[in-house]
Structure formats: structure tokens, C-alpha cells
All heavy atoms as atom14 arrays in JSON, in Angstrom:
{
  "sequence": "VLNFLKTGADTSGGNSVLNSFLDADGDGDVDMFDAMQLASRHLSR",
  "atom14_mask": [
    [1, 1, 1, 1, 1, 1, 1, 0, 0, 0, 0, 0, 0, 0],
    [1, 1, 1, 1, 1, 1, 1, 1, 0, 0, 0, 0, 0, 0],
    [1, 1, 1, 1, 1, 1, 1, 1, 0, 0, 0, 0, 0, 0],
    [1, 1, 1, 1, 1, 1, 1, 1, 1, 1, 1, 0, 0, 0],
    [1, 1, 1, 1, 1, 1, 1, 1, 0, 0, 0, 0, 0, 0],
    [1, 1, 1, 1, 1, 1, 1, 1, 1, 0, 0, 0, 0, 0],
    [1, 1, 1, 1, 1, 1, 1, 0, 0, 0, 0, 0, 0, 0],
    [1, 1, 1, 1, 0, 0, 0, 0, 0, 0, 0, 0, 0, 0],
    [1, 1, 1, 1, 1, 0, 0, 0, 0, 0, 0, 0, 0, 0],
    [1, 1, 1, 1, 1, 1, 1, 1, 0, 0, 0, 0, 0, 0],
    [1, 1, 1, 1, 1, 1, 1, 0, 0, 0, 0, 0, 0, 0],
    [1, 1, 1, 1, 1, 1, 0, 0, 0, 0, 0, 0, 0, 0],
    [1, 1, 1, 1, 0, 0, 0, 0, 0, 0, 0, 0, 0, 0],
    [1, 1, 1, 1, 0, 0, 0, 0, 0, 0, 0, 0, 0, 0],
    [1, 1, 1, 1, 1, 1, 1, 1, 0, 0, 0, 0, 0, 0],
    [1, 1, 1, 1, 1, 1, 0, 0, 0, 0, 0, 0, 0, 0],
    [1, 1, 1, 1, 1, 1, 1, 0, 0, 0, 0, 0, 0, 0],
    [1, 1, 1, 1, 1, 1, 1, 1, 0, 0, 0, 0, 0, 0],
    [1, 1, 1, 1, 1, 1, 1, 1, 0, 0, 0, 0, 0, 0],
    [1, 1, 1, 1, 1, 1, 0, 0, 0, 0, 0, 0, 0, 0],
    [1, 1, 1, 1, 1, 1, 1, 1, 1, 1, 1, 0, 0, 0],
    [1, 1, 1, 1, 1, 1, 1, 1, 0, 0, 0, 0, 0, 0],
    [1, 1, 1, 1, 1, 1, 1, 1, 0, 0, 0, 0, 0, 0],
    [1, 1, 1, 1, 1, 0, 0, 0, 0, 0, 0, 0, 0, 0],
    [1, 1, 1, 1, 1, 1, 1, 1, 0, 0, 0, 0, 0, 0],
    [1, 1, 1, 1, 0, 0, 0, 0, 0, 0, 0, 0, 0, 0],
    [1, 1, 1, 1, 1, 1, 1, 1, 0, 0, 0, 0, 0, 0],
    [1, 1, 1, 1, 0, 0, 0, 0, 0, 0, 0, 0, 0, 0],
    [1, 1, 1, 1, 1, 1, 1, 1, 0, 0, 0, 0, 0, 0],
    [1, 1, 1, 1, 1, 1, 1, 0, 0, 0, 0, 0, 0, 0],
    [1, 1, 1, 1, 1, 1, 1, 1, 0, 0, 0, 0, 0, 0],
    [1, 1, 1, 1, 1, 1, 1, 1, 0, 0, 0, 0, 0, 0],
    [1, 1, 1, 1, 1, 1, 1, 1, 1, 1, 1, 0, 0, 0],
    [1, 1, 1, 1, 1, 1, 1, 1, 0, 0, 0, 0, 0, 0],
    [1, 1, 1, 1, 1, 0, 0, 0, 0, 0, 0, 0, 0, 0],
    [1, 1, 1, 1, 1, 1, 1, 1, 0, 0, 0, 0, 0, 0],
    [1, 1, 1, 1, 1, 1, 1, 1, 1, 0, 0, 0, 0, 0],
    [1, 1, 1, 1, 1, 1, 1, 1, 0, 0, 0, 0, 0, 0],
    [1, 1, 1, 1, 1, 0, 0, 0, 0, 0, 0, 0, 0, 0],
    [1, 1, 1, 1, 1, 1, 0, 0, 0, 0, 0, 0, 0, 0],
    [1, 1, 1, 1, 1, 1, 1, 1, 1, 1, 1, 0, 0, 0],
    [1, 1, 1, 1, 1, 1, 1, 1, 1, 1, 0, 0, 0, 0],
    [1, 1, 1, 1, 1, 1, 1, 1, 0, 0, 0, 0, 0, 0],
    [1, 1, 1, 1, 1, 1, 0, 0, 0, 0, 0, 0, 0, 0],
    [1, 1, 1, 1, 1, 1, 1, 1, 1, 1, 1, 0, 0, 0]
  ],
  "atom14_positions": [
    [[-32.08, 144.59, 163.02], [-31.64, 143.62, 162.01], [-30.81, 144.33, 160.9], [-29.82, 143.9, 160.42], [-32.83, 142.92, 161.48], [-32.52, 142.06, 160.23], [-33.46, 141.98, 162.58], [0.0, 0.0, 0.0], [0.0, 0.0, 0.0], [0.0, 0.0, 0.0], [0.0, 0.0, 0.0], [0.0, 0.0, 0.0], [0.0, 0.0, 0.0], [0.0, 0.0, 0.0]],
    [[-31.35, 145.45, 160.39], [-30.71, 146.23, 159.3], [-29.33, 146.71, 159.77], [-28.37, 146.71, 159.05], [-31.6, 147.35, 158.94], [-32.94, 146.98, 158.26], [-33.77, 148.26, 157.96], [-32.72, 146.25, 156.96], [0.0, 0.0, 0.0], [0.0, 0.0, 0.0], [0.0, 0.0, 0.0], [0.0, 0.0, 0.0], [0.0, 0.0, 0.0], [0.0, 0.0, 0.0]],
    [[-29.14, 147.04, 161.02], [-27.92, 147.49, 161.51], [-26.92, 146.34, 161.57], [-25.75, 146.56, 161.28], [-28.08, 148.11, 162.97], [-26.9, 148.9, 163.45], [-26.09, 149.35, 162.62], [-26.8, 149.17, 164.67], [0.0, 0.0, 0.0], [0.0, 0.0, 0.0], [0.0, 0.0, 0.0], [0.0, 0.0, 0.0], [0.0, 0.0, 0.0], [0.0, 0.0, 0.0]],
    [[-27.38, 145.19, 161.86], [-26.53, 143.94, 161.79], [-26.01, 143.83, 160.36], [-24.81, 143.47, 160.2], [-27.22, 142.75, 162.29], [-26.59, 141.94, 163.22], [-26.48, 142.27, 164.6], [-26.0, 140.72, 162.9], [-25.81, 141.45, 165.47], [-25.35, 139.9, 163.81], [-25.21, 140.29, 165.11], [0.0, 0.0, 0.0], [0.0, 0.0, 0.0], [0.0, 0.0, 0.0]],
    [[-26.9, 144.0, 159.44], [-26.46, 143.89, 157.99], [-25.58, 144.98, 157.61], [-24.69, 144.86, 156.66], [-27.71, 143.78, 157.13], [-28.7, 142.62, 157.42], [-29.96, 142.8, 156.58], [-28.05, 141.32, 157.16], [0.0, 0.0, 0.0], [0.0, 0.0, 0.0], [0.0, 0.0, 0.0], [0.0, 0.0, 0.0], [0.0, 0.0, 0.0], [0.0, 0.0, 0.0]],
    [[-25.72, 146.12, 158.2], [-24.94, 147.31, 157.78], [-23.46, 147.14, 158.19], [-22.58, 147.88, 157.62], [-25.53, 148.51, 158.59], [-25.08, 149.88, 158.12], [-25.86, 150.91, 158.87], [-25.41, 152.31, 158.53], [-26.19, 153.31, 159.26], [0.0, 0.0, 0.0], [0.0, 0.0, 0.0], [0.0, 0.0, 0.0], [0.0, 0.0, 0.0], [0.0, 0.0, 0.0]],
    [[-23.12, 146.2, 159.05], [-21.74, 146.04, 159.4], [-20.88, 145.73, 158.19], [-19.69, 145.97, 158.16], [-21.54, 144.79, 160.41], [-22.06, 143.58, 159.85], [-22.26, 145.12, 161.79], [0.0, 0.0, 0.0], [0.0, 0.0, 0.0], [0.0, 0.0, 0.0], [0.0, 0.0, 0.0], [0.0, 0.0, 0.0], [0.0, 0.0, 0.0], [0.0, 0.0, 0.0]],
    [[-21.41, 145.09, 157.13], [-20.61, 144.82, 155.97], [-20.45, 145.91, 154.96], [-19.74, 145.67, 153.99], [0.0, 0.0, 0.0], [0.0, 0.0, 0.0], [0.0, 0.0, 0.0], [0.0, 0.0, 0.0], [0.0, 0.0, 0.0], [0.0, 0.0, 0.0], [0.0, 0.0, 0.0], [0.0, 0.0, 0.0], [0.0, 0.0, 0.0], [0.0, 0.0, 0.0]],
    [[-21.07, 147.1, 155.21], [-20.92, 148.12, 154.19], [-19.41, 148.55, 154.16], [-18.76, 148.65, 155.19], [-21.71, 149.38, 154.67], [0.0, 0.0, 0.0], [0.0, 0.0, 0.0], [0.0, 0.0, 0.0], [0.0, 0.0, 0.0], [0.0, 0.0, 0.0], [0.0, 0.0, 0.0], [0.0, 0.0, 0.0], [0.0, 0.0, 0.0], [0.0, 0.0, 0.0]],
    [[-18.92, 148.71, 152.9], [-17.53, 149.12, 152.8], [-17.38, 150.41, 151.96], [-18.39, 150.91, 151.5], [-16.74, 148.0, 152.16], [-17.16, 147.63, 150.71], [-17.47, 148.57, 149.94], [-17.06, 146.43, 150.41], [0.0, 0.0, 0.0], [0.0, 0.0, 0.0], [0.0, 0.0, 0.0], [0.0, 0.0, 0.0], [0.0, 0.0, 0.0], [0.0, 0.0, 0.0]],
    [[-16.18, 150.9, 151.92], [-15.92, 152.17, 151.28], [-16.18, 152.17, 149.87], [-16.38, 153.3, 149.27], [-14.44, 152.67, 151.62], [-13.6, 151.57, 151.21], [-14.22, 152.91, 153.04], [0.0, 0.0, 0.0], [0.0, 0.0, 0.0], [0.0, 0.0, 0.0], [0.0, 0.0, 0.0], [0.0, 0.0, 0.0], [0.0, 0.0, 0.0], [0.0, 0.0, 0.0]],
    [[-16.26, 151.09, 149.2], [-16.52, 151.02, 147.75], [-18.02, 150.98, 147.46], [-18.42, 150.99, 146.32], [-15.86, 149.78, 147.13], [-16.52, 148.6, 147.59], [0.0, 0.0, 0.0], [0.0, 0.0, 0.0], [0.0, 0.0, 0.0], [0.0, 0.0, 0.0], [0.0, 0.0, 0.0], [0.0, 0.0, 0.0], [0.0, 0.0, 0.0], [0.0, 0.0, 0.0]],
    [[-18.81, 150.97, 148.47], [-20.28, 150.97, 148.27], [-20.88, 149.53, 148.35], [-22.1, 149.42, 148.31], [0.0, 0.0, 0.0], [0.0, 0.0, 0.0], [0.0, 0.0, 0.0], [0.0, 0.0, 0.0], [0.0, 0.0, 0.0], [0.0, 0.0, 0.0], [0.0, 0.0, 0.0], [0.0, 0.0, 0.0], [0.0, 0.0, 0.0], [0.0, 0.0, 0.0]],
    [[-20.1, 148.54, 148.38], [-20.58, 147.18, 148.49], [-20.92, 146.8, 149.95], [-20.66, 147.64, 150.85], [0.0, 0.0, 0.0], [0.0, 0.0, 0.0], [0.0, 0.0, 0.0], [0.0, 0.0, 0.0], [0.0, 0.0, 0.0], [0.0, 0.0, 0.0], [0.0, 0.0, 0.0], [0.0, 0.0, 0.0], [0.0, 0.0, 0.0], [0.0, 0.0, 0.0]],
    [[-21.42, 145.56, 150.11], [-21.74, 145.18, 151.41], [-21.73, 143.58, 151.51], [-22.75, 142.97, 151.02], [-23.11, 145.63, 151.95], [-23.43, 145.36, 153.37], [-23.12, 144.23, 153.83], [-24.11, 146.18, 154.08], [0.0, 0.0, 0.0], [0.0, 0.0, 0.0], [0.0, 0.0, 0.0], [0.0, 0.0, 0.0], [0.0, 0.0, 0.0], [0.0, 0.0, 0.0]],
    [[-20.71, 143.0, 151.96], [-20.5, 141.54, 151.97], [-21.54, 140.85, 152.79], [-22.03, 139.79, 152.49], [-19.09, 141.13, 152.27], [-18.81, 141.61, 153.63], [0.0, 0.0, 0.0], [0.0, 0.0, 0.0], [0.0, 0.0, 0.0], [0.0, 0.0, 0.0], [0.0, 0.0, 0.0], [0.0, 0.0, 0.0], [0.0, 0.0, 0.0], [0.0, 0.0, 0.0]],
    [[-21.81, 141.49, 153.93], [-22.81, 140.86, 154.9], [-24.21, 140.84, 154.28], [-24.85, 139.78, 154.28], [-22.76, 141.56, 156.24], [-23.9, 141.07, 157.15], [-21.42, 141.42, 156.92], [0.0, 0.0, 0.0], [0.0, 0.0, 0.0], [0.0, 0.0, 0.0], [0.0, 0.0, 0.0], [0.0, 0.0, 0.0], [0.0, 0.0, 0.0], [0.0, 0.0, 0.0]],
    [[-24.6, 141.98, 153.73], [-25.93, 142.05, 153.08], [-26.01, 141.05, 151.93], [-27.01, 140.34, 151.77], [-26.21, 143.46, 152.59], [-27.54, 143.64, 151.88], [-28.77, 143.38, 152.76], [-27.6, 145.08, 151.35], [0.0, 0.0, 0.0], [0.0, 0.0, 0.0], [0.0, 0.0, 0.0], [0.0, 0.0, 0.0], [0.0, 0.0, 0.0], [0.0, 0.0, 0.0]],
    [[-24.96, 141.0, 151.07], [-25.02, 140.13, 149.92], [-25.11, 138.66, 150.35], [-25.85, 137.93, 149.78], [-23.81, 140.35, 149.04], [-23.83, 141.67, 148.41], [-24.88, 142.24, 148.14], [-22.64, 142.15, 147.95], [0.0, 0.0, 0.0], [0.0, 0.0, 0.0], [0.0, 0.0, 0.0], [0.0, 0.0, 0.0], [0.0, 0.0, 0.0], [0.0, 0.0, 0.0]],
    [[-24.3, 138.31, 151.37], [-24.34, 136.91, 151.9], [-25.8, 136.63, 152.46], [-26.32, 135.58, 152.18], [-23.38, 136.74, 152.98], [-23.42, 135.46, 153.61], [0.0, 0.0, 0.0], [0.0, 0.0, 0.0], [0.0, 0.0, 0.0], [0.0, 0.0, 0.0], [0.0, 0.0, 0.0], [0.0, 0.0, 0.0], [0.0, 0.0, 0.0], [0.0, 0.0, 0.0]],
    [[-26.29, 137.57, 153.16], [-27.68, 137.36, 153.84], [-28.68, 137.25, 152.8], [-29.53, 136.42, 152.78], [-27.92, 138.65, 154.59], [-29.26, 138.68, 155.38], [-29.48, 137.88, 156.42], [-30.25, 139.51, 154.96], [-30.75, 137.96, 157.1], [-31.48, 139.6, 155.62], [-31.69, 138.83, 156.72], [0.0, 0.0, 0.0], [0.0, 0.0, 0.0], [0.0, 0.0, 0.0]],
    [[-28.67, 138.02, 151.7], [-29.72, 137.96, 150.65], [-29.55, 136.78, 149.68], [-30.45, 136.36, 149.06], [-29.74, 139.35, 149.84], [-30.13, 140.55, 150.64], [-30.19, 141.77, 149.74], [-31.52, 140.33, 151.2], [0.0, 0.0, 0.0], [0.0, 0.0, 0.0], [0.0, 0.0, 0.0], [0.0, 0.0, 0.0], [0.0, 0.0, 0.0], [0.0, 0.0, 0.0]],
    [[-28.25, 136.34, 149.52], [-28.01, 135.23, 148.61], [-28.06, 133.86, 149.37], [-27.68, 132.88, 148.72], [-26.64, 135.35, 147.94], [-26.63, 136.54, 147.02], [-27.73, 136.87, 146.51], [-25.58, 137.12, 146.82], [0.0, 0.0, 0.0], [0.0, 0.0, 0.0], [0.0, 0.0, 0.0], [0.0, 0.0, 0.0], [0.0, 0.0, 0.0], [0.0, 0.0, 0.0]],
    [[-28.6, 133.88, 150.64], [-28.75, 132.58, 151.36], [-29.63, 131.65, 150.54], [-30.29, 132.03, 149.71], [-29.28, 132.86, 152.74], [0.0, 0.0, 0.0], [0.0, 0.0, 0.0], [0.0, 0.0, 0.0], [0.0, 0.0, 0.0], [0.0, 0.0, 0.0], [0.0, 0.0, 0.0], [0.0, 0.0, 0.0], [0.0, 0.0, 0.0], [0.0, 0.0, 0.0]],
    [[-29.57, 130.39, 150.93], [-30.27, 129.4, 150.16], [-31.76, 129.42, 150.19], [-32.4, 128.61, 149.61], [-29.75, 128.01, 150.55], [-29.93, 127.61, 152.02], [-30.68, 128.37, 152.68], [-29.4, 126.64, 152.42], [0.0, 0.0, 0.0], [0.0, 0.0, 0.0], [0.0, 0.0, 0.0], [0.0, 0.0, 0.0], [0.0, 0.0, 0.0], [0.0, 0.0, 0.0]],
    [[-32.3, 130.28, 151.01], [-33.75, 130.36, 151.1], [-34.45, 129.3, 151.83], [-35.67, 129.04, 151.71], [0.0, 0.0, 0.0], [0.0, 0.0, 0.0], [0.0, 0.0, 0.0], [0.0, 0.0, 0.0], [0.0, 0.0, 0.0], [0.0, 0.0, 0.0], [0.0, 0.0, 0.0], [0.0, 0.0, 0.0], [0.0, 0.0, 0.0], [0.0, 0.0, 0.0]],
    [[-33.8, 128.62, 152.69], [-34.39, 127.53, 153.48], [-35.11, 128.01, 154.67], [-35.69, 127.2, 155.46], [-33.35, 126.5, 153.94], [-32.35, 127.03, 154.91], [-32.4, 128.26, 155.29], [-31.45, 126.28, 155.35], [0.0, 0.0, 0.0], [0.0, 0.0, 0.0], [0.0, 0.0, 0.0], [0.0, 0.0, 0.0], [0.0, 0.0, 0.0], [0.0, 0.0, 0.0]],
    [[-35.23, 129.39, 154.81], [-36.0, 129.92, 155.93], [-35.23, 129.96, 157.2], [-35.76, 130.43, 158.2], [0.0, 0.0, 0.0], [0.0, 0.0, 0.0], [0.0, 0.0, 0.0], [0.0, 0.0, 0.0], [0.0, 0.0, 0.0], [0.0, 0.0, 0.0], [0.0, 0.0, 0.0], [0.0, 0.0, 0.0], [0.0, 0.0, 0.0], [0.0, 0.0, 0.0]],
    [[-33.93, 129.57, 157.12], [-33.12, 129.52, 158.44], [-32.17, 130.65, 158.43], [-31.07, 130.46, 157.91], [-32.42, 128.15, 158.5], [-31.63, 128.04, 159.79], [-31.94, 128.71, 160.79], [-30.65, 127.23, 159.72], [0.0, 0.0, 0.0], [0.0, 0.0, 0.0], [0.0, 0.0, 0.0], [0.0, 0.0, 0.0], [0.0, 0.0, 0.0], [0.0, 0.0, 0.0]],
    [[-32.6, 131.79, 158.89], [-31.64, 132.92, 159.03], [-31.14, 132.87, 160.43], [-31.88, 132.91, 161.37], [-32.36, 134.3, 158.75], [-31.45, 135.44, 158.99], [-32.94, 134.3, 157.35], [0.0, 0.0, 0.0], [0.0, 0.0, 0.0], [0.0, 0.0, 0.0], [0.0, 0.0, 0.0], [0.0, 0.0, 0.0], [0.0, 0.0, 0.0], [0.0, 0.0, 0.0]],
    [[-29.86, 132.74, 160.57], [-29.25, 132.5, 161.82], [-28.91, 133.95, 162.52], [-27.89, 134.1, 163.13], [-28.06, 131.62, 161.75], [-26.96, 132.15, 160.82], [-27.19, 133.21, 160.16], [-25.91, 131.55, 160.71], [0.0, 0.0, 0.0], [0.0, 0.0, 0.0], [0.0, 0.0, 0.0], [0.0, 0.0, 0.0], [0.0, 0.0, 0.0], [0.0, 0.0, 0.0]],
    [[-29.87, 134.89, 162.46], [-29.65, 136.22, 162.97], [-29.44, 136.13, 164.49], [-28.46, 136.74, 165.04], [-30.87, 137.09, 162.62], [-30.71, 138.49, 163.03], [-29.49, 139.35, 162.03], [-30.16, 139.35, 160.38], [0.0, 0.0, 0.0], [0.0, 0.0, 0.0], [0.0, 0.0, 0.0], [0.0, 0.0, 0.0], [0.0, 0.0, 0.0], [0.0, 0.0, 0.0]],
    [[-30.26, 135.46, 165.24], [-30.13, 135.41, 166.69], [-28.86, 134.62, 167.09], [-28.13, 135.01, 167.91], [-31.36, 134.81, 167.35], [-31.25, 134.96, 168.9], [-31.07, 136.15, 169.54], [-31.3, 133.75, 169.63], [-30.98, 136.13, 170.95], [-31.28, 133.74, 170.98], [-31.06, 135.04, 171.68], [0.0, 0.0, 0.0], [0.0, 0.0, 0.0], [0.0, 0.0, 0.0]],
    [[-28.61, 133.6, 166.33], [-27.41, 132.78, 166.61], [-26.15, 133.66, 166.43], [-25.2, 133.66, 167.17], [-27.27, 131.61, 165.63], [-28.28, 130.52, 165.95], [-28.82, 130.51, 167.05], [-28.5, 129.68, 165.09], [0.0, 0.0, 0.0], [0.0, 0.0, 0.0], [0.0, 0.0, 0.0], [0.0, 0.0, 0.0], [0.0, 0.0, 0.0], [0.0, 0.0, 0.0]],
    [[-26.25, 134.53, 165.37], [-25.09, 135.39, 165.1], [-24.95, 136.51, 166.28], [-23.87, 136.79, 166.66], [-25.29, 136.2, 163.82], [0.0, 0.0, 0.0], [0.0, 0.0, 0.0], [0.0, 0.0, 0.0], [0.0, 0.0, 0.0], [0.0, 0.0, 0.0], [0.0, 0.0, 0.0], [0.0, 0.0, 0.0], [0.0, 0.0, 0.0], [0.0, 0.0, 0.0]],
    [[-26.14, 136.9, 166.78], [-26.1, 137.82, 167.9], [-25.45, 137.18, 169.15], [-24.73, 137.74, 169.87], [-27.52, 138.34, 168.24], [-27.92, 139.39, 167.3], [-29.45, 140.06, 167.83], [-29.64, 141.44, 166.62], [0.0, 0.0, 0.0], [0.0, 0.0, 0.0], [0.0, 0.0, 0.0], [0.0, 0.0, 0.0], [0.0, 0.0, 0.0], [0.0, 0.0, 0.0]],
    [[-25.85, 135.86, 169.34], [-25.3, 135.18, 170.55], [-23.89, 134.96, 170.43], [-23.09, 135.2, 171.39], [-26.02, 133.84, 170.68], [-27.42, 133.95, 171.22], [-28.12, 132.64, 171.35], [-28.08, 131.8, 170.45], [-28.76, 132.46, 172.46], [0.0, 0.0, 0.0], [0.0, 0.0, 0.0], [0.0, 0.0, 0.0], [0.0, 0.0, 0.0], [0.0, 0.0, 0.0]],
    [[-23.35, 134.62, 169.24], [-21.93, 134.44, 168.94], [-21.16, 135.87, 169.17], [-20.17, 135.83, 169.75], [-21.67, 133.9, 167.58], [-22.08, 132.46, 167.43], [-22.03, 132.08, 165.94], [-21.13, 131.55, 168.27], [0.0, 0.0, 0.0], [0.0, 0.0, 0.0], [0.0, 0.0, 0.0], [0.0, 0.0, 0.0], [0.0, 0.0, 0.0], [0.0, 0.0, 0.0]],
    [[-21.81, 136.96, 168.67], [-21.18, 138.23, 168.83], [-21.13, 138.55, 170.34], [-20.08, 139.14, 170.79], [-22.06, 139.29, 168.14], [0.0, 0.0, 0.0], [0.0, 0.0, 0.0], [0.0, 0.0, 0.0], [0.0, 0.0, 0.0], [0.0, 0.0, 0.0], [0.0, 0.0, 0.0], [0.0, 0.0, 0.0], [0.0, 0.0, 0.0], [0.0, 0.0, 0.0]],
    [[-22.16, 138.18, 171.08], [-22.12, 138.47, 172.51], [-21.02, 137.76, 173.2], [-20.23, 138.27, 174.01], [-23.49, 138.04, 173.06], [-23.47, 138.26, 174.51], [0.0, 0.0, 0.0], [0.0, 0.0, 0.0], [0.0, 0.0, 0.0], [0.0, 0.0, 0.0], [0.0, 0.0, 0.0], [0.0, 0.0, 0.0], [0.0, 0.0, 0.0], [0.0, 0.0, 0.0]],
    [[-20.8, 136.47, 172.8], [-19.63, 135.69, 173.34], [-18.34, 136.24, 172.87], [-17.38, 136.33, 173.65], [-19.83, 134.21, 172.96], [-20.72, 133.47, 173.92], [-20.74, 131.96, 173.56], [-22.16, 131.8, 173.22], [-22.58, 130.89, 172.35], [-21.77, 130.1, 171.71], [-23.82, 130.84, 172.06], [0.0, 0.0, 0.0], [0.0, 0.0, 0.0], [0.0, 0.0, 0.0]],
    [[-18.28, 136.68, 171.67], [-17.07, 137.31, 171.15], [-16.6, 138.54, 171.85], [-15.46, 138.84, 172.16], [-17.26, 137.55, 169.66], [-15.97, 138.16, 169.02], [-14.89, 137.48, 168.72], [-15.82, 139.44, 168.61], [-13.97, 138.25, 168.17], [-14.5, 139.47, 168.07], [0.0, 0.0, 0.0], [0.0, 0.0, 0.0], [0.0, 0.0, 0.0], [0.0, 0.0, 0.0]],
    [[-17.67, 139.33, 172.26], [-17.43, 140.56, 172.95], [-17.41, 140.33, 174.45], [-17.26, 141.27, 175.29], [-18.53, 141.63, 172.64], [-18.57, 142.05, 171.23], [-19.86, 142.87, 171.02], [-17.35, 142.72, 170.76], [0.0, 0.0, 0.0], [0.0, 0.0, 0.0], [0.0, 0.0, 0.0], [0.0, 0.0, 0.0], [0.0, 0.0, 0.0], [0.0, 0.0, 0.0]],
    [[-17.48, 139.11, 174.91], [-17.47, 138.67, 176.35], [-18.57, 139.47, 177.11], [-18.34, 140.05, 178.15], [-16.09, 139.03, 176.98], [-15.11, 138.25, 176.36], [0.0, 0.0, 0.0], [0.0, 0.0, 0.0], [0.0, 0.0, 0.0], [0.0, 0.0, 0.0], [0.0, 0.0, 0.0], [0.0, 0.0, 0.0], [0.0, 0.0, 0.0], [0.0, 0.0, 0.0]],
    [[-19.76, 139.35, 176.58], [-20.91, 140.0, 177.26], [-21.86, 138.96, 177.84], [-22.24, 138.03, 177.34], [-21.7, 140.86, 176.36], [-20.9, 142.11, 175.95], [-21.73, 142.94, 175.03], [-21.05, 144.23, 174.86], [-21.72, 145.38, 175.02], [-23.0, 145.4, 175.21], [-21.05, 146.49, 174.84], [0.0, 0.0, 0.0], [0.0, 0.0, 0.0], [0.0, 0.0, 0.0]]
  ]
}
């Protein structure tokens, strides 16, 4: 899960993926597995 969040780390020290993940609306719906499934389709796996 942390590695998935690490994808957004940039050369300036920020991390857009982590910031988006942490600033989510708090409804308890983290679409982590959905994101993995979409990544799998994107990579044709």
C-alpha cells in the first residue's frame, strides 16, 4: 500500500498521490484495490 502511494513522490520532495490519499473526504472508501485493478488493466495483465 505504501509503495502504491510512493508512486507520487517527486524530485521536489512532494507527493501528489500521498496528498490526495490523505486529503480524501474520510468516507472510509479508499479505492486502493480498484486502483490496482485499473492498473492491471492499464498494464494489460
